[in-house]
């Protein structure tokens, strides 16, 4: 129903006038209902998003200052999570040089680096050996025992360790360490529990991004 002027309403008979009023009221109610729904949707999106305070400079500095060791998962963190079989039926992954350099820089500055992974593949063992990572645990479906072993071997406390993970298996460690991070494609629970969500994707510099944070603000960094 098209209503161009108030004068048009005055010229209508009582029945038409009633239809006009009903149309206006219904239209207004529908508008308010849609407005309320949109507002509620925006609120839900805002509440489910990662808080910007999580990556704030002050918060990061406080979490990083005692860090002496960097522990990481492999699939989805040191790689992009993609695996494939080669012609010899061996699992293969691709690794990023940026991450490798970041790991080397950490070790040169005195930080301990370790890898805990649920996988059991030769390509990962080769990469770890090439980088010179001393502490390596593979085939660890439960990552808590290797983590406990690391603490025992190094004599460090959990709050002196940084950890990067992306899956449900990483959550128990993420909840314990002094600084935790994850790539942006990590599951929601991991993102929620982590101190920091990287800008770079796993396998494309996420590990390097965290390494740089530790190099800048960790225990052995130049203050």
Foldseek 3Di string as FASTA:
>chain_A
DDDDDVVVLVPDDPVVVVVVVVVVVVVVVVVVVVVVVVVVVVVVVVVLDQDPVLPDPVLLLQLAALAQEEEEEPQFAQFVNDWDQDPVRFIDTDGDVLLLVLLLVSVVLRGQYEYEYLADGPNVVVSCVVSPRDHYHYNCQQCVVSVVVVCVVVVDAQSRYEYEDAEPNCVVSLQRHSAYEYEPNGDSVSSRSHSYYDPATRRGCNNSVVSVSNCPRHNSHDD
